[in-house]
PDB file of N, CA and C in Angstrom:
ATOM      1  N   GLN A   1      72.788 109.677  81.479  1.00  0.00           N
ATOM      2  CA  GLN A   1      73.394 108.384  81.522  1.00  0.00           C
ATOM      3  C   GLN A   1      72.358 107.322  81.899  1.00  0.00           C
ATOM      4  N   VAL A   2      72.677 106.088  81.547  1.00  0.00           N
ATOM      5  CA  VAL A   2      71.801 104.969  81.864  1.00  0.00           C
ATOM      6  C   VAL A   2      71.856 104.683  83.361  1.00  0.00           C
ATOM      7  N   GLN A   3      70.688 104.490  83.945  1.00  0.00           N
ATOM      8  CA  GLN A   3      70.602 104.110  85.345  1.00  0.00           C
ATOM      9  C   GLN A   3      69.536 103.054  85.552  1.00  0.00           C
ATOM     10  N   LEU A   4      69.867 102.043  86.327  1.00  0.00           N
ATOM     11  CA  LEU A   4      68.919 101.074  86.841  1.00  0.00           C
ATOM     12  C   LEU A   4      69.133 101.031  88.347  1.00  0.00           C
ATOM     13  N   VAL A   5      68.117 101.396  89.104  1.00  0.00           N
ATOM     14  CA  VAL A   5      68.249 101.521  90.546  1.00  0.00           C
ATOM     15  C   VAL A   5      67.244 100.608  91.218  1.00  0.00           C
ATOM     16  N   GLU A   6      67.750  99.570  91.878  1.00  0.00           N
ATOM     17  CA  GLU A   6      66.902  98.627  92.591  1.00  0.00           C
ATOM     18  C   GLU A   6      66.635  99.114  94.007  1.00  0.00           C
ATOM     19  N   SER A   7      65.473  98.761  94.514  1.00  0.00           N
ATOM     20  CA  SER A   7      65.132  99.028  95.902  1.00  0.00           C
ATOM     21  C   SER A   7      64.089  98.005  96.345  1.00  0.00           C
ATOM     22  N   GLY A   8      63.835  97.946  97.637  1.00  0.00           N
ATOM     23  CA  GLY A   8      62.785  97.088  98.150  1.00  0.00           C
ATOM     24  C   GLY A   8      63.236  95.750  98.685  1.00  0.00           C
ATOM     25  N   GLY A   9      64.532  95.512  98.712  1.00  0.00           N
ATOM     26  CA  GLY A   9      65.026  94.322  99.371  1.00  0.00           C
ATOM     27  C   GLY A   9      64.953  94.486 100.878  1.00  0.00           C
ATOM     28  N   GLY A  10      65.419  93.473 101.589  1.00  0.00           N
ATOM     29  CA  GLY A  10      65.405  93.537 103.034  1.00  0.00           C
ATOM     30  C   GLY A  10      65.472  92.173 103.661  1.00  0.00           C
ATOM     31  N   LEU A  11      65.170  92.132 104.947  1.00  0.00           N
ATOM     32  CA  LEU A  11      65.172  90.901 105.728  1.00  0.00           C
ATOM     33  C   LEU A  11      63.752  90.412 105.914  1.00  0.00           C
ATOM     34  N   VAL A  12      63.517  89.148 105.610  1.00  0.00           N
ATOM     35  CA  VAL A  12      62.197  88.566 105.747  1.00  0.00           C
ATOM     36  C   VAL A  12      62.331  87.133 106.256  1.00  0.00           C
ATOM     37  N   GLN A  13      61.349  86.670 107.009  1.00  0.00           N
ATOM     38  CA  GLN A  13      61.393  85.301 107.499  1.00  0.00           C
ATOM     39  C   GLN A  13      60.935  84.323 106.422  1.00  0.00           C
ATOM     40  N   PRO A  14      61.323  83.052 106.536  1.00  0.00           N
ATOM     41  CA  PRO A  14      60.869  82.065 105.560  1.00  0.00           C
ATOM     42  C   PRO A  14      59.351  82.053 105.438  1.00  0.00           C
ATOM     43  N   GLY A  15      58.877  81.961 104.196  1.00  0.00           N
ATOM     44  CA  GLY A  15      57.457  82.015 103.917  1.00  0.00           C
ATOM     45  C   GLY A  15      56.921  83.412 103.683  1.00  0.00           C
ATOM     46  N   GLY A  16      57.729  84.416 103.936  1.00  0.00           N
ATOM     47  CA  GLY A  16      57.312  85.792 103.759  1.00  0.00           C
ATOM     48  C   GLY A  16      57.427  86.267 102.327  1.00  0.00           C
ATOM     49  N   SER A  17      57.149  87.556 102.137  1.00  0.00           N
ATOM     50  CA  SER A  17      57.128  88.151 100.805  1.00  0.00           C
ATOM     51  C   SER A  17      57.897  89.462 100.771  1.00  0.00           C
ATOM     52  N   LEU A  18      58.434  89.771  99.599  1.00  0.00           N
ATOM     53  CA  LEU A  18      59.046  91.053  99.308  1.00  0.00           C
ATOM     54  C   LEU A  18      58.728  91.418  97.870  1.00  0.00           C
ATOM     55  N   ARG A  19      58.805  92.708  97.558  1.00  0.00           N
ATOM     56  CA  ARG A  19      58.559  93.162  96.193  1.00  0.00           C
ATOM     57  C   ARG A  19      59.590  94.192  95.779  1.00  0.00           C
ATOM     58  N   PRO A  20      60.805  93.737  95.443  1.00  0.00           N
ATOM     59  CA  PRO A  20      61.797  94.680  94.944  1.00  0.00           C
ATOM     60  C   PRO A  20      61.331  95.353  93.658  1.00  0.00           C
ATOM     61  N   SER A  21      61.803  96.564  93.446  1.00  0.00           N
ATOM     62  CA  SER A  21      61.500  97.291  92.227  1.00  0.00           C
ATOM     63  C   SER A  21      62.780  97.836  91.621  1.00  0.00           C
ATOM     64  N   CYS A  22      62.699  98.206  90.356  1.00  0.00           N
ATOM     65  CA  CYS A  22      63.835  98.736  89.611  1.00  0.00           C
ATOM     66  C   CYS A  22      63.361  99.927  88.810  1.00  0.00           C
ATOM     67  N   ALA A  23      63.966 101.079  89.048  1.00  0.00           N
ATOM     68  CA  ALA A  23      63.653 102.304  88.324  1.00  0.00           C
ATOM     69  C   ALA A  23      64.692 102.530  87.239  1.00  0.00           C
ATOM     70  N   ALA A  24      64.235 102.694  86.000  1.00  0.00           N
ATOM     71  CA  ALA A  24      65.119 102.834  84.851  1.00  0.00           C
ATOM     72  C   ALA A  24      65.080 104.250  84.297  1.00  0.00           C
ATOM     73  N   SER A  25      66.223 104.707  83.796  1.00  0.00           N
ATOM     74  CA  SER A  25      66.297 106.008  83.142  1.00  0.00           C
ATOM     75  C   SER A  25      67.490 106.030  82.193  1.00  0.00           C
ATOM     76  N   GLY A  26      67.469 106.947  81.242  1.00  0.00           N
ATOM     77  CA  GLY A  26      68.587 107.136  80.339  1.00  0.00           C
ATOM     78  C   GLY A  26      68.583 106.272  79.088  1.00  0.00           C
ATOM     79  N   PHE A  27      67.534 105.508  78.876  1.00  0.00           N
ATOM     80  CA  PHE A  27      67.397 104.702  77.668  1.00  0.00           C
ATOM     81  C   PHE A  27      65.923 104.458  77.399  1.00  0.00           C
ATOM     82  N   THR A  28      65.628 103.902  76.219  1.00  0.00           N
ATOM     83  CA  THR A  28      64.240 103.666  75.836  1.00  0.00           C
ATOM     84  C   THR A  28      63.759 102.379  76.496  1.00  0.00           C
ATOM     85  N   PHE A  29      63.289 102.527  77.705  1.00  0.00           N
ATOM     86  CA  PHE A  29      62.915 101.395  78.545  1.00  0.00           C
ATOM     87  C   PHE A  29      61.944 100.448  77.843  1.00  0.00           C
ATOM     88  N   SER A  30      60.954 100.996  77.160  1.00  0.00           N
ATOM     89  CA  SER A  30      59.906 100.181  76.550  1.00  0.00           C
ATOM     90  C   SER A  30      60.401  99.315  75.396  1.00  0.00           C
ATOM     91  N   SER A  31      61.628  99.535  74.923  1.00  0.00           N
ATOM     92  CA  SER A  31      62.200  98.737  73.842  1.00  0.00           C
ATOM     93  C   SER A  31      63.054  97.573  74.334  1.00  0.00           C
ATOM     94  N   TYR A  32      63.198  97.434  75.638  1.00  0.00           N
ATOM     95  CA  TYR A  32      64.102  96.448  76.208  1.00  0.00           C
ATOM     96  C   TYR A  32      63.371  95.337  76.944  1.00  0.00           C
ATOM     97  N   VAL A  33      63.895  94.134  76.772  1.00  0.00           N
ATOM     98  CA  VAL A  33      63.532  93.034  77.654  1.00  0.00           C
ATOM     99  C   VAL A  33      64.141  93.319  79.027  1.00  0.00           C
ATOM    100  N   MET A  34      63.368  93.086  80.063  1.00  0.00           N
ATOM    101  CA  MET A  34      63.852  93.301  81.421  1.00  0.00           C
ATOM    102  C   MET A  34      63.972  91.964  82.142  1.00  0.00           C
ATOM    103  N   ASN A  35      64.986  91.882  82.969  1.00  0.00           N
ATOM    104  CA  ASN A  35      65.285  90.645  83.681  1.00  0.00           C
ATOM    105  C   ASN A  35      65.635  90.940  85.130  1.00  0.00           C
ATOM    106  N   TRP A  36      65.377  89.956  85.965  1.00  0.00           N
ATOM    107  CA  TRP A  36      65.922  89.932  87.314  1.00  0.00           C
ATOM    108  C   TRP A  36      66.904  88.767  87.416  1.00  0.00           C
ATOM    109  N   TYR A  37      68.077  89.057  87.924  1.00  0.00           N
ATOM    110  CA  TYR A  37      69.081  88.059  88.254  1.00  0.00           C
ATOM    111  C   TYR A  37      69.319  88.087  89.755  1.00  0.00           C
ATOM    112  N   ARG A  38      69.957  87.053  90.253  1.00  0.00           N
ATOM    113  CA  ARG A  38      70.380  87.068  91.645  1.00  0.00           C
ATOM    114  C   ARG A  38      71.734  86.400  91.787  1.00  0.00           C
ATOM    115  N   GLN A  39      72.444  86.776  92.832  1.00  0.00           N
ATOM    116  CA  GLN A  39      73.752  86.199  93.108  1.00  0.00           C
ATOM    117  C   GLN A  39      73.944  86.071  94.609  1.00  0.00           C
ATOM    118  N   ALA A  40      74.143  84.841  95.049  1.00  0.00           N
ATOM    119  CA  ALA A  40      74.442  84.564  96.442  1.00  0.00           C
ATOM    120  C   ALA A  40      75.953  84.584  96.638  1.00  0.00           C
ATOM    121  N   PRO A  41      76.417  84.821  97.866  1.00  0.00           N
ATOM    122  CA  PRO A  41      77.861  84.850  98.114  1.00  0.00           C
ATOM    123  C   PRO A  41      78.556  83.571  97.662  1.00  0.00           C
ATOM    124  N   GLY A  42      79.625  83.726  96.899  1.00  0.00           N
ATOM    125  CA  GLY A  42      80.391  82.586  96.427  1.00  0.00           C
ATOM    126  C   GLY A  42      79.767  81.816  95.288  1.00  0.00           C
ATOM    127  N   LYS A  43      78.641  82.282  94.774  1.00  0.00           N
ATOM    128  CA  LYS A  43      77.953  81.585  93.696  1.00  0.00           C
ATOM    129  C   LYS A  43      77.877  82.451  92.449  1.00  0.00           C
ATOM    130  N   GLU A  44      77.585  81.801  91.333  1.00  0.00           N
ATOM    131  CA  GLU A  44      77.456  82.480  90.062  1.00  0.00           C
ATOM    132  C   GLU A  44      76.116  83.212  89.980  1.00  0.00           C
ATOM    133  N   ARG A  45      76.108  84.336  89.299  1.00  0.00           N
ATOM    134  CA  ARG A  45      74.868  85.053  89.065  1.00  0.00           C
ATOM    135  C   ARG A  45      73.935  84.213  88.193  1.00  0.00           C
ATOM    136  N   GLU A  46      72.653  84.156  88.558  1.00  0.00           N
ATOM    137  CA  GLU A  46      71.699  83.333  87.834  1.00  0.00           C
ATOM    138  C   GLU A  46      70.455  84.125  87.467  1.00  0.00           C
ATOM    139  N   LEU A  47      69.890  83.790  86.321  1.00  0.00           N
ATOM    140  CA  LEU A  47      68.678  84.447  85.842  1.00  0.00           C
ATOM    141  C   LEU A  47      67.476  83.952  86.631  1.00  0.00           C
ATOM    142  N   VAL A  48      66.661  84.879  87.104  1.00  0.00           N
ATOM    143  CA  VAL A  48      65.477  84.569  87.892  1.00  0.00           C
ATOM    144  C   VAL A  48      64.205  84.674  87.064  1.00  0.00           C
ATOM    145  N   ALA A  49      64.048  85.787  86.340  1.00  0.00           N
ATOM    146  CA  ALA A  49      62.807  86.039  85.613  1.00  0.00           C
ATOM    147  C   ALA A  49      63.052  87.007  84.470  1.00  0.00           C
ATOM    148  N   THR A  50      62.213  86.911  83.446  1.00  0.00           N
ATOM    149  CA  THR A  50      62.306  87.731  82.245  1.00  0.00           C
ATOM    150  C   THR A  50      60.923  88.211  81.852  1.00  0.00           C
ATOM    151  N   ILE A  51      60.842  89.439  81.347  1.00  0.00           N
ATOM    152  CA  ILE A  51      59.593  89.959  80.798  1.00  0.00           C
ATOM    153  C   ILE A  51      59.904  90.713  79.518  1.00  0.00           C
ATOM    154  N   VAL A  52      59.113  90.477  78.468  1.00  0.00           N
ATOM    155  CA  VAL A  52      59.355  91.107  77.176  1.00  0.00           C
ATOM    156  C   VAL A  52      59.053  92.597  77.249  1.00  0.00           C
ATOM    157  N   SER A  53      59.462  93.320  76.201  1.00  0.00           N
ATOM    158  CA  SER A  53      59.408  94.773  76.239  1.00  0.00           C
ATOM    159  C   SER A  53      58.002  95.332  76.425  1.00  0.00           C
ATOM    160  N   ALA A  54      57.005  94.671  75.838  1.00  0.00           N
ATOM    161  CA  ALA A  54      55.629  95.139  75.950  1.00  0.00           C
ATOM    162  C   ALA A  54      54.917  94.572  77.163  1.00  0.00           C
ATOM    163  N   GLY A  55      55.592  93.736  77.920  1.00  0.00           N
ATOM    164  CA  GLY A  55      54.960  93.068  79.040  1.00  0.00           C
ATOM    165  C   GLY A  55      54.126  91.885  78.570  1.00  0.00           C
ATOM    166  N   GLY A  56      53.506  91.223  79.510  1.00  0.00           N
ATOM    167  CA  GLY A  56      52.620  90.120  79.185  1.00  0.00           C
ATOM    168  C   GLY A  56      53.311  88.777  79.158  1.00  0.00           C
ATOM    169  N   VAL A  57      54.317  88.624  78.314  1.00  0.00           N
ATOM    170  CA  VAL A  57      55.020  87.359  78.175  1.00  0.00           C
ATOM    171  C   VAL A  57      56.182  87.331  79.152  1.00  0.00           C
ATOM    172  N   THR A  58      56.190  86.319  79.990  1.00  0.00           N
ATOM    173  CA  THR A  58      57.209  86.199  81.017  1.00  0.00           C
ATOM    174  C   THR A  58      57.811  84.806  81.011  1.00  0.00           C
ATOM    175  N   ASN A  59      58.973  84.678  81.618  1.00  0.00           N
ATOM    176  CA  ASN A  59      59.618  83.392  81.792  1.00  0.00           C
ATOM    177  C   ASN A  59      60.318  83.391  83.141  1.00  0.00           C
ATOM    178  N   TYR A  60      60.376  82.210  83.766  1.00  0.00           N
ATOM    179  CA  TYR A  60      60.926  82.089  85.102  1.00  0.00           C
ATOM    180  C   TYR A  60      61.858  80.898  85.204  1.00  0.00           C
ATOM    181  N   ALA A  61      62.861  81.044  86.043  1.00  0.00           N
ATOM    182  CA  ALA A  61      63.672  79.898  86.403  1.00  0.00           C
ATOM    183  C   ALA A  61      62.818  78.887  87.162  1.00  0.00           C
ATOM    184  N   ASP A  62      63.150  77.610  87.009  1.00  0.00           N
ATOM    185  CA  ASP A  62      62.363  76.569  87.659  1.00  0.00           C
ATOM    186  C   ASP A  62      62.295  76.749  89.171  1.00  0.00           C
ATOM    187  N   PHE A  63      63.341  77.252  89.758  1.00  0.00           N
ATOM    188  CA  PHE A  63      63.389  77.341  91.216  1.00  0.00           C
ATOM    189  C   PHE A  63      62.515  78.445  91.795  1.00  0.00           C
ATOM    190  N   VAL A  64      61.906  79.285  90.941  1.00  0.00           N
ATOM    191  CA  VAL A  64      60.994  80.318  91.439  1.00  0.00           C
ATOM    192  C   VAL A  64      59.593  80.222  90.852  1.00  0.00           C
ATOM    193  N   LYS A  65      59.366  79.313  89.925  1.00  0.00           N
ATOM    194  CA  LYS A  65      58.043  79.191  89.310  1.00  0.00           C
ATOM    195  C   LYS A  65      56.971  78.939  90.359  1.00  0.00           C
ATOM    196  N   GLY A  66      55.887  79.676  90.254  1.00  0.00           N
ATOM    197  CA  GLY A  66      54.800  79.565  91.203  1.00  0.00           C
ATOM    198  C   GLY A  66      54.965  80.410  92.438  1.00  0.00           C
ATOM    199  N   ARG A  67      56.130  81.006  92.623  1.00  0.00           N
ATOM    200  CA  ARG A  67      56.393  81.830  93.796  1.00  0.00           C
ATOM    201  C   ARG A  67      56.670  83.290  93.453  1.00  0.00           C
ATOM    202  N   PHE A  68      57.352  83.527  92.332  1.00  0.00           N
ATOM    203  CA  PHE A  68      57.753  84.884  91.941  1.00  0.00           C
ATOM    204  C   PHE A  68      56.967  85.336  90.722  1.00  0.00           C
ATOM    205  N   THR A  69      56.726  86.638  90.625  1.00  0.00           N
ATOM    206  CA  THR A  69      56.052  87.225  89.474  1.00  0.00           C
ATOM    207  C   THR A  69      56.781  88.497  89.052  1.00  0.00           C
ATOM    208  N   ILE A  70      57.213  88.550  87.802  1.00  0.00           N
ATOM    209  CA  ILE A  70      57.828  89.749  87.259  1.00  0.00           C
ATOM    210  C   ILE A  70      56.762  90.568  86.535  1.00  0.00           C
ATOM    211  N   SER A  71      56.842  91.881  86.654  1.00  0.00           N
ATOM    212  CA  SER A  71      55.925  92.766  85.955  1.00  0.00           C
ATOM    213  C   SER A  71      56.645  94.061  85.609  1.00  0.00           C
ATOM    214  N   ARG A  72      56.059  94.837  84.702  1.00  0.00           N
ATOM    215  CA  ARG A  72      56.660  96.114  84.332  1.00  0.00           C
ATOM    216  C   ARG A  72      55.585  97.145  84.058  1.00  0.00           C
ATOM    217  N   ASP A  73      55.956  98.399  84.209  1.00  0.00           N
ATOM    218  CA  ASP A  73      55.088  99.518  83.909  1.00  0.00           C
ATOM    219  C   ASP A  73      55.890 100.455  83.017  1.00  0.00           C
ATOM    220  N   ASN A  74      55.663 100.376  81.712  1.00  0.00           N
ATOM    221  CA  ASN A  74      56.460 101.162  80.772  1.00  0.00           C
ATOM    222  C   ASN A  74      56.201 102.661  80.896  1.00  0.00           C
ATOM    223  N   ALA A  75      55.018 103.041  81.353  1.00  0.00           N
ATOM    224  CA  ALA A  75      54.720 104.452  81.546  1.00  0.00           C
ATOM    225  C   ALA A  75      55.544 105.053  82.672  1.00  0.00           C
ATOM    226  N   LYS A  76      55.954 104.213  83.616  1.00  0.00           N
ATOM    227  CA  LYS A  76      56.739 104.665  84.758  1.00  0.00           C
ATOM    228  C   LYS A  76      58.197 104.239  84.697  1.00  0.00           C
ATOM    229  N   ASN A  77      58.584 103.510  83.646  1.00  0.00           N
ATOM    230  CA  ASN A  77      59.945 102.972  83.522  1.00  0.00           C
ATOM    231  C   ASN A  77      60.325 102.155  84.752  1.00  0.00           C
ATOM    232  N   MET A  78      59.429 101.263  85.144  1.00  0.00           N
ATOM    233  CA  MET A  78      59.632 100.459  86.341  1.00  0.00           C
ATOM    234  C   MET A  78      59.444  98.977  86.041  1.00  0.00           C
ATOM    235  N   VAL A  79      60.210  98.160  86.716  1.00  0.00           N
ATOM    236  CA  VAL A  79      60.030  96.717  86.692  1.00  0.00           C
ATOM    237  C   VAL A  79      60.022  96.225  88.134  1.00  0.00           C
ATOM    238  N   TYR A  80      59.224  95.190  88.388  1.00  0.00           N
ATOM    239  CA  TYR A  80      59.013  94.699  89.739  1.00  0.00           C
ATOM    240  C   TYR A  80      59.230  93.200  89.805  1.00  0.00           C
ATOM    241  N   LEU A  81      59.510  92.721  90.991  1.00  0.00           N
ATOM    242  CA  LEU A  81      59.594  91.289  91.222  1.00  0.00           C
ATOM    243  C   LEU A  81      58.858  90.967  92.516  1.00  0.00           C
ATOM    244  N   GLN A  82      57.653  90.451  92.389  1.00  0.00           N
ATOM    245  CA  GLN A  82      56.892  90.010  93.550  1.00  0.00           C
ATOM    246  C   GLN A  82      57.398  88.642  93.962  1.00  0.00           C
ATOM    247  N   MET A  83      57.907  88.528  95.175  1.00  0.00           N
ATOM    248  CA  MET A  83      58.486  87.294  95.681  1.00  0.00           C
ATOM    249  C   MET A  83      57.655  86.815  96.865  1.00  0.00           C
ATOM    250  N   ASN A  84      57.044  85.664  96.708  1.00  0.00           N
ATOM    251  CA  ASN A  84      56.237  85.055  97.754  1.00  0.00           C
ATOM    252  C   ASN A  84      56.843  83.727  98.181  1.00  0.00           C
ATOM    253  N   SER A  85      56.406  83.239  99.322  1.00  0.00           N
ATOM    254  CA  SER A  85      56.871  81.951  99.847  1.00  0.00           C
ATOM    255  C   SER A  85      58.385  81.857  99.837  1.00  0.00           C
ATOM    256  N   LEU A  86      59.017  82.889 100.331  1.00  0.00           N
ATOM    257  CA  LEU A  86      60.470  82.962 100.277  1.00  0.00           C
ATOM    258  C   LEU A  86      61.129  81.890 101.139  1.00  0.00           C
ATOM    259  N   LYS A  87      62.254  81.394 100.638  1.00  0.00           N
ATOM    260  CA  LYS A  87      63.031  80.355 101.290  1.00  0.00           C
ATOM    261  C   LYS A  87      64.419  80.888 101.615  1.00  0.00           C
ATOM    262  N   PRO A  88      65.090  80.295 102.601  1.00  0.00           N
ATOM    263  CA  PRO A  88      66.458  80.746 102.899  1.00  0.00           C
ATOM    264  C   PRO A  88      67.384  80.719 101.687  1.00  0.00           C
ATOM    265  N   GLU A  89      67.204  79.756 100.789  1.00  0.00           N
ATOM    266  CA  GLU A  89      68.046  79.673  99.609  1.00  0.00           C
ATOM    267  C   GLU A  89      67.785  80.782  98.595  1.00  0.00           C
ATOM    268  N   ASP A  90      66.743  81.585  98.811  1.00  0.00           N
ATOM    269  CA  ASP A  90      66.512  82.766  97.984  1.00  0.00           C
ATOM    270  C   ASP A  90      67.387  83.942  98.395  1.00  0.00           C
ATOM    271  N   THR A  91      68.092  83.809  99.497  1.00  0.00           N
ATOM    272  CA  THR A  91      68.969  84.876  99.966  1.00  0.00           C
ATOM    273  C   THR A  91      70.037  85.177  98.926  1.00  0.00           C
ATOM    274  N   ALA A  92      70.103  86.422  98.489  1.00  0.00           N
ATOM    275  CA  ALA A  92      71.028  86.832  97.438  1.00  0.00           C
ATOM    276  C   ALA A  92      70.898  88.325  97.220  1.00  0.00           C
ATOM    277  N   VAL A  93      71.812  88.866  96.441  1.00  0.00           N
ATOM    278  CA  VAL A  93      71.640  90.200  95.896  1.00  0.00           C
ATOM    279  C   VAL A  93      70.869  90.062  94.590  1.00  0.00           C
ATOM    280  N   TYR A  94      69.795  90.808  94.466  1.00  0.00           N
ATOM    281  CA  TYR A  94      68.944  90.748  93.286  1.00  0.00           C
ATOM    282  C   TYR A  94      69.239  91.947  92.387  1.00  0.00           C
ATOM    283  N   TYR A  95      69.514  91.651  91.114  1.00  0.00           N
ATOM    284  CA  TYR A  95      69.926  92.660  90.149  1.00  0.00           C
ATOM    285  C   TYR A  95      68.906  92.829  89.035  1.00  0.00           C
ATOM    286  N   CYS A  96      68.656  94.052  88.668  1.00  0.00           N
ATOM    287  CA  CYS A  96      67.848  94.401  87.518  1.00  0.00           C
ATOM    288  C   CYS A  96      68.742  94.481  86.281  1.00  0.00           C
ATOM    289  N   ASN A  97      68.251  93.959  85.159  1.00  0.00           N
ATOM    290  CA  ASN A  97      69.006  93.950  83.913  1.00  0.00           C
ATOM    291  C   ASN A  97      68.099  94.308  82.745  1.00  0.00           C
ATOM    292  N   ALA A  98      68.608  95.131  81.837  1.00  0.00           N
ATOM    293  CA  ALA A  98      67.911  95.485  80.608  1.00  0.00           C
ATOM    294  C   ALA A  98      68.701  94.953  79.428  1.00  0.00           C
ATOM    295  N   ARG A  99      68.010  94.318  78.483  1.00  0.00           N
ATOM    296  CA  ARG A  99      68.702  93.683  77.358  1.00  0.00           C
ATOM    297  C   ARG A  99      67.866  93.802  76.085  1.00  0.00           C
ATOM    298  N   ARG A 100      68.553  93.997  74.950  1.00  0.00           N
ATOM    299  CA  ARG A 100      67.901  94.054  73.654  1.00  0.00           C
ATOM    300  C   ARG A 100      68.784  93.347  72.641  1.00  0.00           C
ATOM    301  N   TYR A 101      68.164  92.648  71.692  1.00  0.00           N
ATOM    302  CA  TYR A 101      68.914  91.879  70.714  1.00  0.00           C
ATOM    303  C   TYR A 101      69.913  92.768  69.976  1.00  0.00           C
ATOM    304  N   GLY A 102      71.156  92.310  69.907  1.00  0.00           N
ATOM    305  CA  GLY A 102      72.188  93.028  69.189  1.00  0.00           C
ATOM    306  C   GLY A 102      72.793  94.201  69.933  1.00  0.00           C
ATOM    307  N   CYS A 103      72.390  94.396  71.185  1.00  0.00           N
ATOM    308  CA  CYS A 103      72.879  95.519  71.970  1.00  0.00           C
ATOM    309  C   CYS A 103      73.426  95.032  73.305  1.00  0.00           C
ATOM    310  N   SER A 104      74.357  95.781  73.841  1.00  0.00           N
ATOM    311  CA  SER A 104      74.846  95.488  75.174  1.00  0.00           C
ATOM    312  C   SER A 104      73.767  95.824  76.194  1.00  0.00           C
ATOM    313  N   GLY A 105      73.791  95.123  77.303  1.00  0.00           N
ATOM    314  CA  GLY A 105      72.783  95.325  78.321  1.00  0.00           C
ATOM    315  C   GLY A 105      73.233  96.284  79.399  1.00  0.00           C
ATOM    316  N   PHE A 106      72.303  96.569  80.297  1.00  0.00           N
ATOM    317  CA  PHE A 106      72.553  97.465  81.422  1.00  0.00           C
ATOM    318  C   PHE A 106      72.242  96.740  82.722  1.00  0.00           C
ATOM    319  N   TRP A 107      72.955  97.102  83.775  1.00  0.00           N
ATOM    320  CA  TRP A 107      72.810  96.476  85.083  1.00  0.00           C
ATOM    321  C   TRP A 107      72.631  97.509  86.170  1.00  0.00           C
ATOM    322  N   GLY A 108      71.797  97.165  87.143  1.00  0.00           N
ATOM    323  CA  GLY A 108      71.730  97.933  88.359  1.00  0.00           C
ATOM    324  C   GLY A 108      72.778  97.466  89.353  1.00  0.00           C
ATOM    325  N   GLN A 109      72.804  98.101  90.522  1.00  0.00           N
ATOM    326  CA  GLN A 109      73.780  97.766  91.551  1.00  0.00           C
ATOM    327  C   GLN A 109      73.305  96.678  92.495  1.00  0.00           C
ATOM    328  N   GLY A 110      72.028  96.347  92.449  1.00  0.00           N
ATOM    329  CA  GLY A 110      71.488  95.258  93.232  1.00  0.00           C
ATOM    330  C   GLY A 110      70.856  95.699  94.539  1.00  0.00           C
ATOM    331  N   THR A 111      69.971  94.853  95.036  1.00  0.00           N
ATOM    332  CA  THR A 111      69.357  95.046  96.341  1.00  0.00           C
ATOM    333  C   THR A 111      69.417  93.726  97.110  1.00  0.00           C
ATOM    334  N   GLN A 112      69.790  93.806  98.370  1.00  0.00           N
ATOM    335  CA  GLN A 112      69.987  92.602  99.178  1.00  0.00           C
ATOM    336  C   GLN A 112      68.656  92.051  99.667  1.00  0.00           C
ATOM    337  N   VAL A 113      68.459  90.758  99.459  1.00  0.00           N
ATOM    338  CA  VAL A 113      67.324  90.031 100.009  1.00  0.00           C
ATOM    339  C   VAL A 113      67.865  88.947 100.922  1.00  0.00           C
ATOM    340  N   THR A 114      67.444  88.971 102.181  1.00  0.00           N
ATOM    341  CA  THR A 114      67.881  87.982 103.156  1.00  0.00           C
ATOM    342  C   THR A 114      66.663  87.301 103.740  1.00  0.00           C
ATOM    343  N   VAL A 115      66.614  85.980 103.629  1.00  0.00           N
ATOM    344  CA  VAL A 115      65.508  85.183 104.146  1.00  0.00           C
ATOM    345  C   VAL A 115      66.036  84.355 105.307  1.00  0.00           C
ATOM    346  N   SER A 116      65.603  84.692 106.500  1.00  0.00           N
ATOM    347  CA  SER A 116      66.138  84.054 107.697  1.00  0.00           C
ATOM    348  C   SER A 116      65.157  84.191 108.846  1.00  0.00           C
ATOM    349  N   SER A 117      65.176  83.198 109.730  1.00  0.00           N
ATOM    350  CA  SER A 117      64.388  83.270 110.950  1.00  0.00           C
ATOM    351  C   SER A 117      65.063  84.125 112.007  1.00  0.00           C
TER     352      SER A 117
END
């Protein structure tokens, strides 16, 4: 079965860093665009970052540009989100998503990121 398992969230103070990761299995990982989304309590889920199937080409939401970096390792079926200069408003559950044109996507269960003093 398809699995996307996030890990690496946690509690960090403002200005700190975290690097959540997502382990994929059960599908052809290298054929999918990978994304990170986040959802804060009471708010809509929002797209944070995208990386194409072969890596290299990335896109970011304006609110994380210059602070976050998405990367992937197709040999390991892994995707990462390096988060630097974290702010309290970055507090959310961060979700891994796999998507391909014309196909339904896959979602992980999320990892909690809390930015607080």
